[in-house]
ModelCIF file with pLDDT and N, C-alpha, C, O atoms, coordinates in Angstrom:
data_MODEL
#
_entry.id   MODEL 
#
_entity.id                         1 
_entity.type                       polymer 
_entity.pdbx_number_of_molecules   1 
#
_entity_poly.entity_id                      1 
_entity_poly.type                           'polypeptide(L)' 
_entity_poly.nstd_linkage                   no 
_entity_poly.nstd_monomer                   no 
_entity_poly.pdbx_seq_one_letter_code       TVNALAAVAVAFTLAVNLTRGWPVLSLAATVAIAAA 
_entity_poly.pdbx_seq_one_letter_code_can   TVNALAAVAVAFTLAVNLTRGWPVLSLAATVAIAAA 
_entity_poly.pdbx_strand_id                 A 
#
loop_
_entity_poly_seq.entity_id 
_entity_poly_seq.num 
_entity_poly_seq.mon_id 
_entity_poly_seq.hetero 
1 1  THR n 
1 2  VAL n 
1 3  ASN n 
1 4  ALA n 
1 5  LEU n 
1 6  ALA n 
1 7  ALA n 
1 8  VAL n 
1 9  ALA n 
1 10 VAL n 
1 11 ALA n 
1 12 PHE n 
1 13 THR n 
1 14 LEU n 
1 15 ALA n 
1 16 VAL n 
1 17 ASN n 
1 18 LEU n 
1 19 THR n 
1 20 ARG n 
1 21 GLY n 
1 22 TRP n 
1 23 PRO n 
1 24 VAL n 
1 25 LEU n 
1 26 SER n 
1 27 LEU n 
1 28 ALA n 
1 29 ALA n 
1 30 THR n 
1 31 VAL n 
1 32 ALA n 
1 33 ILE n 
1 34 ALA n 
1 35 ALA n 
1 36 ALA n 
#
_struct_asym.id          A 
_struct_asym.entity_id   1 
#
loop_
_ma_qa_metric.id 
_ma_qa_metric.mode 
_ma_qa_metric.name 
_ma_qa_metric.software_group_id 
_ma_qa_metric.type 
1 global pLDDT . pLDDT 
2 local  pLDDT . pLDDT 
#
_ma_qa_metric_global.metric_id      1 
_ma_qa_metric_global.metric_value   88.56 
_ma_qa_metric_global.model_id       1 
_ma_qa_metric_global.ordinal_id     1 
#
loop_
_ma_qa_metric_local.label_asym_id 
_ma_qa_metric_local.label_comp_id 
_ma_qa_metric_local.label_seq_id 
_ma_qa_metric_local.metric_id 
_ma_qa_metric_local.metric_value 
_ma_qa_metric_local.model_id 
_ma_qa_metric_local.ordinal_id 
A THR 1  2 97.00 1 1  
A VAL 2  2 97.00 1 2  
A ASN 3  2 97.00 1 3  
A ALA 4  2 97.00 1 4  
A LEU 5  2 97.00 1 5  
A ALA 6  2 97.00 1 6  
A ALA 7  2 97.00 1 7  
A VAL 8  2 97.00 1 8  
A ALA 9  2 96.00 1 9  
A VAL 10 2 95.00 1 10 
A ALA 11 2 95.00 1 11 
A PHE 12 2 95.00 1 12 
A THR 13 2 91.00 1 13 
A LEU 14 2 90.00 1 14 
A ALA 15 2 90.00 1 15 
A VAL 16 2 89.00 1 16 
A ASN 17 2 84.00 1 17 
A LEU 18 2 85.00 1 18 
A THR 19 2 86.00 1 19 
A ARG 20 2 81.00 1 20 
A GLY 21 2 76.00 1 21 
A TRP 22 2 74.00 1 22 
A PRO 23 2 78.00 1 23 
A VAL 24 2 83.00 1 24 
A LEU 25 2 79.00 1 25 
A SER 26 2 79.00 1 26 
A LEU 27 2 85.00 1 27 
A ALA 28 2 86.00 1 28 
A ALA 29 2 81.00 1 29 
A THR 30 2 84.00 1 30 
A VAL 31 2 88.00 1 31 
A ALA 32 2 88.00 1 32 
A ILE 33 2 85.00 1 33 
A ALA 34 2 87.00 1 34 
A ALA 35 2 91.00 1 35 
A ALA 36 2 91.00 1 36 
#
loop_
_atom_site.group_PDB 
_atom_site.id 
_atom_site.type_symbol 
_atom_site.label_atom_id 
_atom_site.label_alt_id 
_atom_site.label_comp_id 
_atom_site.label_asym_id 
_atom_site.label_entity_id 
_atom_site.label_seq_id 
_atom_site.pdbx_PDB_ins_code 
_atom_site.Cartn_x 
_atom_site.Cartn_y 
_atom_site.Cartn_z 
_atom_site.occupancy 
_atom_site.B_iso_or_equiv 
_atom_site.pdbx_formal_charge 
_atom_site.auth_seq_id 
_atom_site.auth_comp_id 
_atom_site.auth_asym_id 
_atom_site.auth_atom_id 
_atom_site.pdbx_PDB_model_num 
ATOM 1   N N  . THR A 1 1  ? 47.991 -55.283 -113.699 1.00 97.00 ? 1  THR A N  1 
ATOM 2   C CA . THR A 1 1  ? 48.965 -56.066 -114.458 1.00 97.00 ? 1  THR A CA 1 
ATOM 3   C C  . THR A 1 1  ? 48.378 -56.569 -115.775 1.00 97.00 ? 1  THR A C  1 
ATOM 4   O O  . THR A 1 1  ? 49.021 -56.487 -116.821 1.00 97.00 ? 1  THR A O  1 
ATOM 5   N N  . VAL A 1 2  ? 47.161 -57.086 -115.715 1.00 97.00 ? 2  VAL A N  1 
ATOM 6   C CA . VAL A 1 2  ? 46.507 -57.578 -116.934 1.00 97.00 ? 2  VAL A CA 1 
ATOM 7   C C  . VAL A 1 2  ? 46.336 -56.437 -117.935 1.00 97.00 ? 2  VAL A C  1 
ATOM 8   O O  . VAL A 1 2  ? 46.610 -56.606 -119.123 1.00 97.00 ? 2  VAL A O  1 
ATOM 9   N N  . ASN A 1 3  ? 45.888 -55.281 -117.461 1.00 97.00 ? 3  ASN A N  1 
ATOM 10  C CA . ASN A 1 3  ? 45.713 -54.136 -118.358 1.00 97.00 ? 3  ASN A CA 1 
ATOM 11  C C  . ASN A 1 3  ? 47.045 -53.657 -118.921 1.00 97.00 ? 3  ASN A C  1 
ATOM 12  O O  . ASN A 1 3  ? 47.126 -53.284 -120.092 1.00 97.00 ? 3  ASN A O  1 
ATOM 13  N N  . ALA A 1 4  ? 48.087 -53.665 -118.098 1.00 97.00 ? 4  ALA A N  1 
ATOM 14  C CA . ALA A 1 4  ? 49.405 -53.243 -118.569 1.00 97.00 ? 4  ALA A CA 1 
ATOM 15  C C  . ALA A 1 4  ? 49.950 -54.196 -119.626 1.00 97.00 ? 4  ALA A C  1 
ATOM 16  O O  . ALA A 1 4  ? 50.529 -53.755 -120.619 1.00 97.00 ? 4  ALA A O  1 
ATOM 17  N N  . LEU A 1 5  ? 49.768 -55.497 -119.419 1.00 97.00 ? 5  LEU A N  1 
ATOM 18  C CA . LEU A 1 5  ? 50.208 -56.476 -120.422 1.00 97.00 ? 5  LEU A CA 1 
ATOM 19  C C  . LEU A 1 5  ? 49.444 -56.308 -121.732 1.00 97.00 ? 5  LEU A C  1 
ATOM 20  O O  . LEU A 1 5  ? 50.019 -56.405 -122.816 1.00 97.00 ? 5  LEU A O  1 
ATOM 21  N N  . ALA A 1 6  ? 48.155 -56.059 -121.619 1.00 97.00 ? 6  ALA A N  1 
ATOM 22  C CA . ALA A 1 6  ? 47.353 -55.822 -122.826 1.00 97.00 ? 6  ALA A CA 1 
ATOM 23  C C  . ALA A 1 6  ? 47.825 -54.554 -123.536 1.00 97.00 ? 6  ALA A C  1 
ATOM 24  O O  . ALA A 1 6  ? 47.868 -54.507 -124.766 1.00 97.00 ? 6  ALA A O  1 
ATOM 25  N N  . ALA A 1 7  ? 48.176 -53.531 -122.765 1.00 97.00 ? 7  ALA A N  1 
ATOM 26  C CA . ALA A 1 7  ? 48.680 -52.290 -123.361 1.00 97.00 ? 7  ALA A CA 1 
ATOM 27  C C  . ALA A 1 7  ? 49.985 -52.533 -124.112 1.00 97.00 ? 7  ALA A C  1 
ATOM 28  O O  . ALA A 1 7  ? 50.202 -51.960 -125.180 1.00 97.00 ? 7  ALA A O  1 
ATOM 29  N N  . VAL A 1 8  ? 50.843 -53.367 -123.566 1.00 97.00 ? 8  VAL A N  1 
ATOM 30  C CA . VAL A 1 8  ? 52.101 -53.704 -124.244 1.00 97.00 ? 8  VAL A CA 1 
ATOM 31  C C  . VAL A 1 8  ? 51.820 -54.414 -125.569 1.00 97.00 ? 8  VAL A C  1 
ATOM 32  O O  . VAL A 1 8  ? 52.450 -54.114 -126.584 1.00 97.00 ? 8  VAL A O  1 
ATOM 33  N N  . ALA A 1 9  ? 50.876 -55.352 -125.558 1.00 96.00 ? 9  ALA A N  1 
ATOM 34  C CA . ALA A 1 9  ? 50.526 -56.076 -126.783 1.00 96.00 ? 9  ALA A CA 1 
ATOM 35  C C  . ALA A 1 9  ? 49.954 -55.124 -127.836 1.00 96.00 ? 9  ALA A C  1 
ATOM 36  O O  . ALA A 1 9  ? 50.297 -55.214 -129.015 1.00 96.00 ? 9  ALA A O  1 
ATOM 37  N N  . VAL A 1 10 ? 49.092 -54.224 -127.410 1.00 95.00 ? 10 VAL A N  1 
ATOM 38  C CA . VAL A 1 10 ? 48.500 -53.258 -128.348 1.00 95.00 ? 10 VAL A CA 1 
ATOM 39  C C  . VAL A 1 10 ? 49.573 -52.301 -128.863 1.00 95.00 ? 10 VAL A C  1 
ATOM 40  O O  . VAL A 1 10 ? 49.576 -51.959 -130.046 1.00 95.00 ? 10 VAL A O  1 
ATOM 41  N N  . ALA A 1 11 ? 50.480 -51.867 -127.993 1.00 95.00 ? 11 ALA A N  1 
ATOM 42  C CA . ALA A 1 11 ? 51.562 -50.975 -128.419 1.00 95.00 ? 11 ALA A CA 1 
ATOM 43  C C  . ALA A 1 11 ? 52.448 -51.655 -129.465 1.00 95.00 ? 11 ALA A C  1 
ATOM 44  O O  . ALA A 1 11 ? 52.873 -51.024 -130.432 1.00 95.00 ? 11 ALA A O  1 
ATOM 45  N N  . PHE A 1 12 ? 52.719 -52.936 -129.264 1.00 95.00 ? 12 PHE A N  1 
ATOM 46  C CA . PHE A 1 12 ? 53.516 -53.686 -130.245 1.00 95.00 ? 12 PHE A CA 1 
ATOM 47  C C  . PHE A 1 12 ? 52.798 -53.739 -131.596 1.00 95.00 ? 12 PHE A C  1 
ATOM 48  O O  . PHE A 1 12 ? 53.405 -53.499 -132.639 1.00 95.00 ? 12 PHE A O  1 
ATOM 49  N N  . THR A 1 13 ? 51.506 -54.054 -131.565 1.00 91.00 ? 13 THR A N  1 
ATOM 50  C CA . THR A 1 13 ? 50.725 -54.114 -132.800 1.00 91.00 ? 13 THR A CA 1 
ATOM 51  C C  . THR A 1 13 ? 50.694 -52.756 -133.491 1.00 91.00 ? 13 THR A C  1 
ATOM 52  O O  . THR A 1 13 ? 50.815 -52.673 -134.713 1.00 91.00 ? 13 THR A O  1 
ATOM 53  N N  . LEU A 1 14 ? 50.535 -51.714 -132.721 1.00 90.00 ? 14 LEU A N  1 
ATOM 54  C CA . LEU A 1 14 ? 50.538 -50.360 -133.275 1.00 90.00 ? 14 LEU A CA 1 
ATOM 55  C C  . LEU A 1 14 ? 51.880 -50.046 -133.919 1.00 90.00 ? 14 LEU A C  1 
ATOM 56  O O  . LEU A 1 14 ? 51.931 -49.488 -135.015 1.00 90.00 ? 14 LEU A O  1 
ATOM 57  N N  . ALA A 1 15 ? 52.958 -50.402 -133.246 1.00 90.00 ? 15 ALA A N  1 
ATOM 58  C CA . ALA A 1 15 ? 54.298 -50.153 -133.788 1.00 90.00 ? 15 ALA A CA 1 
ATOM 59  C C  . ALA A 1 15 ? 54.507 -50.887 -135.106 1.00 90.00 ? 15 ALA A C  1 
ATOM 60  O O  . ALA A 1 15 ? 55.089 -50.339 -136.042 1.00 90.00 ? 15 ALA A O  1 
ATOM 61  N N  . VAL A 1 16 ? 54.034 -52.122 -135.179 1.00 89.00 ? 16 VAL A N  1 
ATOM 62  C CA . VAL A 1 16 ? 54.160 -52.891 -136.433 1.00 89.00 ? 16 VAL A CA 1 
ATOM 63  C C  . VAL A 1 16 ? 53.391 -52.202 -137.547 1.00 89.00 ? 16 VAL A C  1 
ATOM 64  O O  . VAL A 1 16 ? 53.893 -52.094 -138.665 1.00 89.00 ? 16 VAL A O  1 
ATOM 65  N N  . ASN A 1 17 ? 52.184 -51.735 -137.263 1.00 84.00 ? 17 ASN A N  1 
ATOM 66  C CA . ASN A 1 17 ? 51.396 -51.037 -138.287 1.00 84.00 ? 17 ASN A CA 1 
ATOM 67  C C  . ASN A 1 17 ? 52.086 -49.753 -138.739 1.00 84.00 ? 17 ASN A C  1 
ATOM 68  O O  . ASN A 1 17 ? 52.042 -49.405 -139.919 1.00 84.00 ? 17 ASN A O  1 
ATOM 69  N N  . LEU A 1 18 ? 52.719 -49.054 -137.810 1.00 85.00 ? 18 LEU A N  1 
ATOM 70  C CA . LEU A 1 18 ? 53.365 -47.792 -138.163 1.00 85.00 ? 18 LEU A CA 1 
ATOM 71  C C  . LEU A 1 18 ? 54.612 -47.992 -139.007 1.00 85.00 ? 18 LEU A C  1 
ATOM 72  O O  . LEU A 1 18 ? 55.016 -47.078 -139.726 1.00 85.00 ? 18 LEU A O  1 
ATOM 73  N N  . THR A 1 19 ? 55.232 -49.161 -138.937 1.00 86.00 ? 19 THR A N  1 
ATOM 74  C CA . THR A 1 19 ? 56.427 -49.410 -139.758 1.00 86.00 ? 19 THR A CA 1 
ATOM 75  C C  . THR A 1 19 ? 56.095 -49.527 -141.237 1.00 86.00 ? 19 THR A C  1 
ATOM 76  O O  . THR A 1 19 ? 56.990 -49.531 -142.083 1.00 86.00 ? 19 THR A O  1 
ATOM 77  N N  . ARG A 1 20 ? 54.825 -49.621 -141.542 1.00 81.00 ? 20 ARG A N  1 
ATOM 78  C CA . ARG A 1 20 ? 54.421 -49.752 -142.952 1.00 81.00 ? 20 ARG A CA 1 
ATOM 79  C C  . ARG A 1 20 ? 54.395 -48.415 -143.667 1.00 81.00 ? 20 ARG A C  1 
ATOM 80  O O  . ARG A 1 20 ? 54.047 -48.357 -144.846 1.00 81.00 ? 20 ARG A O  1 
ATOM 81  N N  . GLY A 1 21 ? 54.754 -47.344 -142.986 1.00 76.00 ? 21 GLY A N  1 
ATOM 82  C CA . GLY A 1 21 ? 54.922 -46.050 -143.637 1.00 76.00 ? 21 GLY A CA 1 
ATOM 83  C C  . GLY A 1 21 ? 53.744 -45.106 -143.549 1.00 76.00 ? 21 GLY A C  1 
ATOM 84  O O  . GLY A 1 21 ? 53.621 -44.345 -142.589 1.00 76.00 ? 21 GLY A O  1 
ATOM 85  N N  . TRP A 1 22 ? 52.878 -45.151 -144.547 1.00 74.00 ? 22 TRP A N  1 
ATOM 86  C CA . TRP A 1 22 ? 51.784 -44.199 -144.658 1.00 74.00 ? 22 TRP A CA 1 
ATOM 87  C C  . TRP A 1 22 ? 50.833 -44.151 -143.460 1.00 74.00 ? 22 TRP A C  1 
ATOM 88  O O  . TRP A 1 22 ? 50.291 -43.079 -143.190 1.00 74.00 ? 22 TRP A O  1 
ATOM 89  N N  . PRO A 1 23 ? 50.599 -45.230 -142.733 1.00 78.00 ? 23 PRO A N  1 
ATOM 90  C CA . PRO A 1 23 ? 49.705 -45.118 -141.577 1.00 78.00 ? 23 PRO A CA 1 
ATOM 91  C C  . PRO A 1 23 ? 50.163 -44.108 -140.520 1.00 78.00 ? 23 PRO A C  1 
ATOM 92  O O  . PRO A 1 23 ? 49.404 -43.777 -139.609 1.00 78.00 ? 23 PRO A O  1 
ATOM 93  N N  . VAL A 1 24 ? 51.394 -43.621 -140.639 1.00 83.00 ? 24 VAL A N  1 
ATOM 94  C CA . VAL A 1 24 ? 51.854 -42.574 -139.729 1.00 83.00 ? 24 VAL A CA 1 
ATOM 95  C C  . VAL A 1 24 ? 50.967 -41.334 -139.880 1.00 83.00 ? 24 VAL A C  1 
ATOM 96  O O  . VAL A 1 24 ? 50.772 -40.590 -138.919 1.00 83.00 ? 24 VAL A O  1 
ATOM 97  N N  . LEU A 1 25 ? 50.433 -41.113 -141.079 1.00 79.00 ? 25 LEU A N  1 
ATOM 98  C CA . LEU A 1 25 ? 49.504 -39.994 -141.279 1.00 79.00 ? 25 LEU A CA 1 
ATOM 99  C C  . LEU A 1 25 ? 48.260 -40.154 -140.415 1.00 79.00 ? 25 LEU A C  1 
ATOM 100 O O  . LEU A 1 25 ? 47.731 -39.171 -139.895 1.00 79.00 ? 25 LEU A O  1 
ATOM 101 N N  . SER A 1 26 ? 47.797 -41.373 -140.263 1.00 79.00 ? 26 SER A N  1 
ATOM 102 C CA . SER A 1 26 ? 46.649 -41.631 -139.404 1.00 79.00 ? 26 SER A CA 1 
ATOM 103 C C  . SER A 1 26 ? 46.975 -41.295 -137.963 1.00 79.00 ? 26 SER A C  1 
ATOM 104 O O  . SER A 1 26 ? 46.146 -40.735 -137.246 1.00 79.00 ? 26 SER A O  1 
ATOM 105 N N  . LEU A 1 27 ? 48.183 -41.638 -137.540 1.00 85.00 ? 27 LEU A N  1 
ATOM 106 C CA . LEU A 1 27 ? 48.616 -41.303 -136.190 1.00 85.00 ? 27 LEU A CA 1 
ATOM 107 C C  . LEU A 1 27 ? 48.678 -39.786 -136.021 1.00 85.00 ? 27 LEU A C  1 
ATOM 108 O O  . LEU A 1 27 ? 48.251 -39.255 -134.996 1.00 85.00 ? 27 LEU A O  1 
ATOM 109 N N  . ALA A 1 28 ? 49.203 -39.097 -137.015 1.00 86.00 ? 28 ALA A N  1 
ATOM 110 C CA . ALA A 1 28 ? 49.291 -37.633 -136.953 1.00 86.00 ? 28 ALA A CA 1 
ATOM 111 C C  . ALA A 1 28 ? 47.900 -37.009 -136.862 1.00 86.00 ? 28 ALA A C  1 
ATOM 112 O O  . ALA A 1 28 ? 47.689 -36.072 -136.093 1.00 86.00 ? 28 ALA A O  1 
ATOM 113 N N  . ALA A 1 29 ? 46.955 -37.524 -137.641 1.00 81.00 ? 29 ALA A N  1 
ATOM 114 C CA . ALA A 1 29 ? 45.585 -37.008 -137.586 1.00 81.00 ? 29 ALA A CA 1 
ATOM 115 C C  . ALA A 1 29 ? 44.956 -37.284 -136.226 1.00 81.00 ? 29 ALA A C  1 
ATOM 116 O O  . ALA A 1 29 ? 44.258 -36.429 -135.680 1.00 81.00 ? 29 ALA A O  1 
ATOM 117 N N  . THR A 1 30 ? 45.198 -38.468 -135.677 1.00 84.00 ? 30 THR A N  1 
ATOM 118 C CA . THR A 1 30 ? 44.661 -38.823 -134.366 1.00 84.00 ? 30 THR A CA 1 
ATOM 119 C C  . THR A 1 30 ? 45.217 -37.891 -133.296 1.00 84.00 ? 30 THR A C  1 
ATOM 120 O O  . THR A 1 30 ? 44.477 -37.417 -132.434 1.00 84.00 ? 30 THR A O  1 
ATOM 121 N N  . VAL A 1 31 ? 46.516 -37.628 -133.353 1.00 88.00 ? 31 VAL A N  1 
ATOM 122 C CA . VAL A 1 31 ? 47.147 -36.741 -132.378 1.00 88.00 ? 31 VAL A CA 1 
ATOM 123 C C  . VAL A 1 31 ? 46.618 -35.314 -132.537 1.00 88.00 ? 31 VAL A C  1 
ATOM 124 O O  . VAL A 1 31 ? 46.388 -34.629 -131.541 1.00 88.00 ? 31 VAL A O  1 
ATOM 125 N N  . ALA A 1 32 ? 46.425 -34.863 -133.774 1.00 88.00 ? 32 ALA A N  1 
ATOM 126 C CA . ALA A 1 32 ? 45.906 -33.511 -134.008 1.00 88.00 ? 32 ALA A CA 1 
ATOM 127 C C  . ALA A 1 32 ? 44.497 -33.355 -133.444 1.00 88.00 ? 32 ALA A C  1 
ATOM 128 O O  . ALA A 1 32 ? 44.182 -32.343 -132.818 1.00 88.00 ? 32 ALA A O  1 
ATOM 129 N N  . ILE A 1 33 ? 43.659 -34.353 -133.666 1.00 85.00 ? 33 ILE A N  1 
ATOM 130 C CA . ILE A 1 33 ? 42.292 -34.300 -133.147 1.00 85.00 ? 33 ILE A CA 1 
ATOM 131 C C  . ILE A 1 33 ? 42.301 -34.344 -131.621 1.00 85.00 ? 33 ILE A C  1 
ATOM 132 O O  . ILE A 1 33 ? 41.565 -33.606 -130.967 1.00 85.00 ? 33 ILE A O  1 
ATOM 133 N N  . ALA A 1 34 ? 43.138 -35.213 -131.059 1.00 87.00 ? 34 ALA A N  1 
ATOM 134 C CA . ALA A 1 34 ? 43.233 -35.297 -129.598 1.00 87.00 ? 34 ALA A CA 1 
ATOM 135 C C  . ALA A 1 34 ? 43.726 -33.972 -129.009 1.00 87.00 ? 34 ALA A C  1 
ATOM 136 O O  . ALA A 1 34 ? 43.233 -33.537 -127.968 1.00 87.00 ? 34 ALA A O  1 
ATOM 137 N N  . ALA A 1 35 ? 44.682 -33.339 -129.658 1.00 91.00 ? 35 ALA A N  1 
ATOM 138 C CA . ALA A 1 35 ? 45.200 -32.056 -129.176 1.00 91.00 ? 35 ALA A CA 1 
ATOM 139 C C  . ALA A 1 35 ? 44.123 -30.982 -129.224 1.00 91.00 ? 35 ALA A C  1 
ATOM 140 O O  . ALA A 1 35 ? 44.008 -30.173 -128.304 1.00 91.00 ? 35 ALA A O  1 
ATOM 141 N N  . ALA A 1 36 ? 43.340 -30.972 -130.289 1.00 91.00 ? 36 ALA A N  1 
ATOM 142 C CA . ALA A 1 36 ? 42.252 -29.990 -130.399 1.00 91.00 ? 36 ALA A CA 1 
ATOM 143 C C  . ALA A 1 36 ? 41.207 -30.212 -129.305 1.00 91.00 ? 36 ALA A C  1 
ATOM 144 O O  . ALA A 1 36 ? 40.218 -29.481 -129.238 1.00 91.00 ? 36 ALA A O  1 
#
């Protein structure tokens, strides 16, 4: 439960950062590296 609540908080923070536009490129790069 504690880990899940922390994950929700981090997901919210991540979502706020992604609304700023350009950081979506960072997410795309992270996903590309993870996929590789």
